[in-house]
Amino acid sequence: MEKILDFVEEEQYFVVQDRDRRIKCLKTLMEESEKFHRPKLPPSFEYFSKDAIIKGNLEIQEAHDLLRKFHLPLFNTDDYLRSFK
C-alpha cells in the first residue's frame, strides 16, 4: 500500500492526507484476517491415478533429459516426480 501511495503522490494524481492512519488500518485488518485462515493440510487422497503418475513421471524425466542434451539449465527431478501412495 505504501508503494502505491508513493506512486500516486509522485505522479501527482492526488495526495492522501491521512496516509499513515490508512496504512495502519490496513495492516491491522490484514493481521486480524490471518487468524481466520485454515491451516494448510496435505490432501487425504491422491489426485492422480497410478497410470497418470507413471505418465507424468516419464514426461518429467524426458523433459529433464532433453534439457541435459542441449546443455540447458536443469531442474531437480525429485521436486516434481511423484511416488505411489
Protein backbone atom coordinates (compact mmCIF):
# COMPACT_ATOMS: atom_id res chain seq x y z
CA MET A 1 0.00 0.00 0.00
CA GLU A 2 2.84 2.36 0.83
CA LYS A 3 4.35 1.87 -2.63
CA ILE A 4 1.00 2.57 -4.27
CA LEU A 5 0.54 5.75 -2.26
CA ASP A 6 4.12 6.81 -3.07
CA PHE A 7 3.43 6.30 -6.77
CA VAL A 8 0.14 8.20 -6.67
CA GLU A 9 1.80 11.13 -4.94
CA GLU A 10 4.88 11.12 -7.22
CA GLU A 11 2.69 11.15 -10.31
CA GLN A 12 0.66 13.94 -8.74
CA TYR A 13 -2.67 12.19 -9.13
CA PHE A 14 -3.66 13.18 -5.63
CA VAL A 15 -2.24 13.34 -2.12
CA VAL A 16 -3.67 11.14 0.60
CA GLN A 17 -3.97 13.32 3.67
CA ASP A 18 -4.36 10.60 6.30
CA ARG A 19 -1.84 8.23 4.74
CA ASP A 20 -0.34 6.86 7.98
CA ARG A 21 -3.74 6.19 9.52
CA ARG A 22 -4.89 4.32 6.41
CA ILE A 23 -1.76 2.18 6.28
CA LYS A 24 -2.05 1.35 9.98
CA CYS A 25 -5.72 0.42 9.50
CA LEU A 26 -4.90 -1.87 6.56
CA LYS A 27 -2.10 -3.59 8.49
CA THR A 28 -4.45 -4.19 11.42
CA LEU A 29 -7.12 -5.64 9.13
CA MET A 30 -4.59 -7.94 7.45
CA GLU A 31 -3.31 -9.21 10.79
CA GLU A 32 -6.84 -9.88 12.02
CA SER A 33 -7.86 -11.70 8.84
CA GLU A 34 -4.86 -14.05 9.19
CA LYS A 35 -6.48 -15.52 12.30
CA PHE A 36 -9.35 -16.91 10.22
CA HIS A 37 -7.32 -18.81 7.61
CA ARG A 38 -7.38 -22.56 7.90
CA PRO A 39 -4.00 -24.24 8.25
CA LYS A 40 -2.80 -25.83 5.04
CA LEU A 41 -3.09 -29.62 5.15
CA PRO A 42 -1.91 -32.18 2.62
CA PRO A 43 -4.74 -33.88 0.71
CA SER A 44 -6.16 -37.05 2.23
CA PHE A 45 -6.19 -38.77 -1.18
CA GLU A 46 -4.09 -38.97 -4.35
CA TYR A 47 -5.40 -36.68 -7.09
CA PHE A 48 -3.99 -38.77 -9.94
CA SER A 49 -4.38 -42.40 -10.96
CA LYS A 50 -1.39 -44.76 -10.98
CA ASP A 51 -1.26 -44.57 -14.80
CA ALA A 52 -1.31 -40.76 -14.74
CA ILE A 53 1.54 -40.71 -12.20
CA ILE A 54 3.62 -43.08 -14.35
CA LYS A 55 2.97 -40.96 -17.47
CA GLY A 56 3.70 -37.71 -15.64
CA ASN A 57 6.95 -39.04 -14.18
CA LEU A 58 8.01 -40.23 -17.64
CA GLU A 59 7.27 -36.80 -19.17
CA ILE A 60 9.25 -35.07 -16.42
CA GLN A 61 12.22 -37.38 -16.97
CA GLU A 62 12.08 -36.87 -20.76
CA ALA A 63 11.97 -33.07 -20.32
CA HIS A 64 14.98 -33.25 -18.00
CA ASP A 65 16.90 -35.45 -20.48
CA LEU A 66 16.13 -33.02 -23.31
CA LEU A 67 17.42 -30.07 -21.27
CA ARG A 68 20.59 -32.03 -20.46
CA LYS A 69 21.08 -32.97 -24.15
CA PHE A 70 21.09 -29.31 -25.21
CA HIS A 71 23.13 -28.13 -22.20
CA LEU A 72 20.30 -26.02 -20.79
CA PRO A 73 19.74 -25.27 -17.10
CA LEU A 74 18.46 -28.35 -15.27
CA PHE A 75 15.90 -28.71 -12.52
CA ASN A 76 15.84 -31.17 -9.63
CA THR A 77 13.58 -34.01 -10.77
CA ASP A 78 12.96 -35.05 -7.16
CA ASP A 79 10.95 -31.84 -6.74
CA TYR A 80 8.50 -32.96 -9.43
CA LEU A 81 8.41 -36.77 -9.56
CA ARG A 82 5.56 -38.44 -7.69
CA SER A 83 5.63 -41.68 -5.80
CA PHE A 84 2.71 -44.04 -5.34
CA LYS A 85 0.76 -43.80 -2.10
